Amino acid sequence: MIRASFFAAGVFVALWGVSFLTIDKLVLNKVDDKNRDQGFRGMLASSQIVERESRPVIDPPEWMAFSLMSIGTVTMLYSAALPKRHD
């Protein structure tokens, strides 16, 4: 069980690193729950878009993608090297 947990955590961190390679910055969108329609089109409604100035922006440095990929890969290798449980 611990092996699978380490492997899953390594995959998660490595995939975040890969995603940081493809994006320049993340712009988060705030949506009021009381005004949102119940459905897929409610997410895309123009009345839900908040002004650009008030949106939080995550701008990761370039080195972070490679660091996350290497940390995730080392964690996956560690999970493969863990000794098997003998009952």
N, C-alpha and C. Protein backbone atom coordinates (compact mmCIF):
# COMPACT_ATOMS: atom_id res chain seq x y z
N MET A 1 0.82 -1.19 0.00
CA MET A 1 0.00 0.00 0.00
C MET A 1 0.87 1.26 0.00
N ILE A 2 1.94 1.24 0.78
CA ILE A 2 2.80 2.42 0.84
C ILE A 2 3.53 2.62 -0.48
N ARG A 3 3.81 1.52 -1.17
CA ARG A 3 4.45 1.60 -2.48
C ARG A 3 3.57 2.35 -3.47
N ALA A 4 2.31 1.98 -3.51
CA ALA A 4 1.37 2.61 -4.42
C ALA A 4 1.16 4.08 -4.07
N SER A 5 1.18 4.39 -2.79
CA SER A 5 1.02 5.79 -2.37
C SER A 5 2.20 6.64 -2.82
N PHE A 6 3.41 6.13 -2.64
CA PHE A 6 4.59 6.86 -3.10
C PHE A 6 4.60 7.00 -4.61
N PHE A 7 4.22 5.95 -5.32
CA PHE A 7 4.20 6.01 -6.77
C PHE A 7 3.17 7.04 -7.25
N ALA A 8 1.99 7.05 -6.64
CA ALA A 8 0.95 8.00 -7.02
C ALA A 8 1.39 9.44 -6.73
N ALA A 9 2.02 9.65 -5.60
CA ALA A 9 2.51 11.00 -5.27
C ALA A 9 3.59 11.43 -6.27
N GLY A 10 4.46 10.51 -6.67
CA GLY A 10 5.49 10.82 -7.66
C GLY A 10 4.91 11.16 -9.01
N VAL A 11 3.89 10.41 -9.43
CA VAL A 11 3.23 10.70 -10.71
C VAL A 11 2.56 12.06 -10.66
N PHE A 12 1.91 12.37 -9.55
CA PHE A 12 1.23 13.66 -9.40
C PHE A 12 2.21 14.82 -9.51
N VAL A 13 3.33 14.73 -8.80
CA VAL A 13 4.31 15.81 -8.81
C VAL A 13 4.97 15.92 -10.19
N ALA A 14 5.27 14.79 -10.82
CA ALA A 14 5.89 14.82 -12.15
C ALA A 14 4.94 15.41 -13.19
N LEU A 15 3.65 15.10 -13.09
CA LEU A 15 2.69 15.66 -14.05
C LEU A 15 2.52 17.16 -13.86
N TRP A 16 2.61 17.64 -12.62
CA TRP A 16 2.59 19.09 -12.41
C TRP A 16 3.81 19.74 -13.05
N GLY A 17 4.95 19.06 -12.99
CA GLY A 17 6.14 19.58 -13.64
C GLY A 17 5.98 19.65 -15.15
N VAL A 18 5.38 18.62 -15.73
CA VAL A 18 5.13 18.62 -17.18
C VAL A 18 4.15 19.73 -17.55
N SER A 19 3.15 19.93 -16.73
CA SER A 19 2.19 20.99 -17.04
C SER A 19 2.82 22.37 -16.93
N PHE A 20 3.77 22.55 -16.01
CA PHE A 20 4.46 23.84 -15.90
C PHE A 20 5.38 24.09 -17.08
N LEU A 21 5.78 23.04 -17.80
CA LEU A 21 6.58 23.24 -19.01
C LEU A 21 5.75 23.87 -20.12
N THR A 22 4.46 23.58 -20.15
CA THR A 22 3.62 24.01 -21.26
C THR A 22 2.93 25.35 -21.02
N ILE A 23 2.87 25.81 -19.77
CA ILE A 23 2.17 27.07 -19.50
C ILE A 23 3.16 28.14 -19.05
N ASP A 24 2.80 29.39 -19.27
CA ASP A 24 3.61 30.50 -18.80
C ASP A 24 3.13 31.00 -17.44
N LYS A 25 1.81 31.10 -17.27
CA LYS A 25 1.26 31.52 -16.00
C LYS A 25 -0.17 31.00 -15.87
N LEU A 26 -0.63 30.88 -14.64
CA LEU A 26 -1.99 30.47 -14.33
C LEU A 26 -2.78 31.68 -13.86
N VAL A 27 -3.92 31.91 -14.47
CA VAL A 27 -4.81 32.99 -14.03
C VAL A 27 -6.06 32.33 -13.46
N LEU A 28 -6.28 32.53 -12.16
CA LEU A 28 -7.40 31.91 -11.48
C LEU A 28 -8.64 32.79 -11.61
N ASN A 29 -9.78 32.16 -11.75
CA ASN A 29 -11.03 32.87 -11.94
C ASN A 29 -11.91 32.68 -10.72
N LYS A 30 -12.40 33.77 -10.16
CA LYS A 30 -13.31 33.71 -9.02
C LYS A 30 -14.74 33.76 -9.54
N VAL A 31 -15.59 32.85 -9.04
CA VAL A 31 -16.98 32.78 -9.47
C VAL A 31 -17.87 32.80 -8.24
N ASP A 32 -18.90 33.64 -8.27
CA ASP A 32 -19.87 33.65 -7.18
C ASP A 32 -20.79 32.45 -7.32
N ASP A 33 -20.96 31.68 -6.25
CA ASP A 33 -21.81 30.49 -6.30
C ASP A 33 -23.29 30.84 -6.37
N LYS A 34 -23.69 31.97 -5.83
CA LYS A 34 -25.10 32.32 -5.80
C LYS A 34 -25.63 32.71 -7.18
N ASN A 35 -24.77 33.21 -8.06
CA ASN A 35 -25.21 33.64 -9.39
C ASN A 35 -24.93 32.61 -10.48
N ARG A 36 -24.29 31.52 -10.14
CA ARG A 36 -23.88 30.55 -11.16
C ARG A 36 -25.06 29.66 -11.57
N ASP A 37 -25.19 29.45 -12.87
CA ASP A 37 -26.21 28.54 -13.38
C ASP A 37 -25.78 27.10 -13.10
N GLN A 38 -26.76 26.22 -13.02
CA GLN A 38 -26.47 24.82 -12.80
C GLN A 38 -26.28 24.13 -14.13
N GLY A 39 -25.09 24.03 -14.60
CA GLY A 39 -24.82 23.37 -15.86
C GLY A 39 -23.48 23.80 -16.42
N PHE A 40 -23.12 23.18 -17.53
CA PHE A 40 -21.83 23.45 -18.15
C PHE A 40 -21.75 24.87 -18.69
N ARG A 41 -22.82 25.36 -19.29
CA ARG A 41 -22.80 26.71 -19.86
C ARG A 41 -22.75 27.78 -18.80
N GLY A 42 -23.14 27.47 -17.58
CA GLY A 42 -23.06 28.42 -16.49
C GLY A 42 -21.62 28.78 -16.14
N MET A 43 -20.69 27.85 -16.36
CA MET A 43 -19.29 28.13 -16.09
C MET A 43 -18.73 29.14 -17.08
N LEU A 44 -19.25 29.13 -18.29
CA LEU A 44 -18.70 29.95 -19.35
C LEU A 44 -19.44 31.26 -19.58
N ALA A 45 -20.41 31.55 -18.75
CA ALA A 45 -21.21 32.76 -18.95
C ALA A 45 -20.36 34.00 -18.73
N SER A 46 -20.58 35.01 -19.56
CA SER A 46 -19.78 36.23 -19.47
C SER A 46 -20.07 37.01 -18.20
N SER A 47 -21.24 36.81 -17.60
CA SER A 47 -21.55 37.54 -16.38
C SER A 47 -20.74 37.01 -15.19
N GLN A 48 -20.14 35.85 -15.33
CA GLN A 48 -19.38 35.25 -14.23
C GLN A 48 -17.92 35.68 -14.23
N ILE A 49 -17.46 36.29 -15.28
CA ILE A 49 -16.04 36.64 -15.38
C ILE A 49 -15.75 37.87 -14.53
N VAL A 50 -14.77 37.76 -13.67
CA VAL A 50 -14.38 38.85 -12.79
C VAL A 50 -13.35 39.71 -13.52
N GLU A 51 -13.25 40.95 -13.13
CA GLU A 51 -12.30 41.86 -13.77
C GLU A 51 -10.88 41.29 -13.69
N ARG A 52 -10.07 41.59 -14.70
CA ARG A 52 -8.71 41.05 -14.79
C ARG A 52 -7.82 41.49 -13.63
N GLU A 53 -8.03 42.68 -13.12
CA GLU A 53 -7.16 43.19 -12.07
C GLU A 53 -7.32 42.41 -10.77
N SER A 54 -8.48 41.85 -10.52
CA SER A 54 -8.70 41.17 -9.25
C SER A 54 -8.44 39.68 -9.31
N ARG A 55 -8.01 39.17 -10.46
CA ARG A 55 -7.72 37.74 -10.56
C ARG A 55 -6.33 37.43 -10.02
N PRO A 56 -6.23 36.40 -9.19
CA PRO A 56 -4.90 36.00 -8.74
C PRO A 56 -4.14 35.29 -9.86
N VAL A 57 -2.85 35.59 -9.98
CA VAL A 57 -2.01 35.03 -11.03
C VAL A 57 -0.86 34.26 -10.40
N ILE A 58 -0.66 33.02 -10.86
CA ILE A 58 0.47 32.20 -10.43
C ILE A 58 1.45 32.17 -11.59
N ASP A 59 2.64 32.70 -11.37
CA ASP A 59 3.67 32.77 -12.41
C ASP A 59 4.90 31.98 -11.92
N PRO A 60 4.95 30.66 -12.21
CA PRO A 60 6.07 29.85 -11.70
C PRO A 60 7.36 30.15 -12.46
N PRO A 61 8.50 30.10 -11.78
CA PRO A 61 9.77 30.30 -12.48
C PRO A 61 10.07 29.11 -13.40
N GLU A 62 10.96 29.30 -14.35
CA GLU A 62 11.24 28.27 -15.34
C GLU A 62 11.87 27.03 -14.72
N TRP A 63 12.65 27.18 -13.69
CA TRP A 63 13.32 26.04 -13.09
C TRP A 63 12.37 25.12 -12.33
N MET A 64 11.19 25.62 -11.98
CA MET A 64 10.27 24.82 -11.17
C MET A 64 9.76 23.59 -11.91
N ALA A 65 9.55 23.71 -13.22
CA ALA A 65 9.06 22.57 -14.00
C ALA A 65 10.05 21.41 -13.93
N PHE A 66 11.32 21.70 -14.14
CA PHE A 66 12.34 20.65 -14.12
C PHE A 66 12.54 20.09 -12.72
N SER A 67 12.43 20.93 -11.72
CA SER A 67 12.57 20.46 -10.33
C SER A 67 11.43 19.52 -9.96
N LEU A 68 10.20 19.89 -10.32
CA LEU A 68 9.06 19.03 -10.00
C LEU A 68 9.14 17.71 -10.76
N MET A 69 9.56 17.74 -12.02
CA MET A 69 9.68 16.49 -12.77
C MET A 69 10.75 15.59 -12.16
N SER A 70 11.87 16.15 -11.74
CA SER A 70 12.92 15.31 -11.17
C SER A 70 12.53 14.79 -9.79
N ILE A 71 11.87 15.60 -8.98
CA ILE A 71 11.42 15.12 -7.66
C ILE A 71 10.40 14.01 -7.83
N GLY A 72 9.47 14.17 -8.76
CA GLY A 72 8.47 13.13 -9.01
C GLY A 72 9.09 11.85 -9.53
N THR A 73 10.08 11.97 -10.41
CA THR A 73 10.73 10.79 -10.96
C THR A 73 11.52 10.05 -9.88
N VAL A 74 12.23 10.78 -9.04
CA VAL A 74 12.98 10.15 -7.95
C VAL A 74 12.02 9.47 -6.97
N THR A 75 10.88 10.07 -6.71
CA THR A 75 9.90 9.45 -5.82
C THR A 75 9.34 8.17 -6.42
N MET A 76 9.09 8.17 -7.74
CA MET A 76 8.61 6.95 -8.39
C MET A 76 9.67 5.85 -8.35
N LEU A 77 10.94 6.22 -8.58
CA LEU A 77 12.02 5.24 -8.49
C LEU A 77 12.18 4.71 -7.08
N TYR A 78 12.00 5.57 -6.09
CA TYR A 78 12.06 5.14 -4.69
C TYR A 78 10.95 4.14 -4.40
N SER A 79 9.76 4.38 -4.93
CA SER A 79 8.66 3.44 -4.68
C SER A 79 8.94 2.09 -5.34
N ALA A 80 9.65 2.08 -6.46
CA ALA A 80 9.99 0.81 -7.10
C ALA A 80 11.09 0.08 -6.31
N ALA A 81 11.92 0.81 -5.59
CA ALA A 81 13.02 0.22 -4.85
C ALA A 81 12.62 -0.22 -3.45
N LEU A 82 11.44 0.15 -3.00
CA LEU A 82 11.00 -0.27 -1.67
C LEU A 82 10.91 -1.80 -1.61
N PRO A 83 11.29 -2.39 -0.50
CA PRO A 83 11.20 -3.85 -0.42
C PRO A 83 9.75 -4.30 -0.39
N LYS A 84 9.52 -5.44 -1.01
CA LYS A 84 8.15 -5.99 -1.02
C LYS A 84 7.82 -6.53 0.37
N ARG A 85 6.58 -6.41 0.69
CA ARG A 85 6.11 -6.84 2.00
C ARG A 85 5.92 -8.35 2.00
N HIS A 86 6.51 -9.02 2.96
CA HIS A 86 6.37 -10.47 3.08
C HIS A 86 5.52 -10.78 4.30
N ASP A 87 4.42 -11.46 4.07
CA ASP A 87 3.51 -11.81 5.17
C ASP A 87 3.80 -13.18 5.70
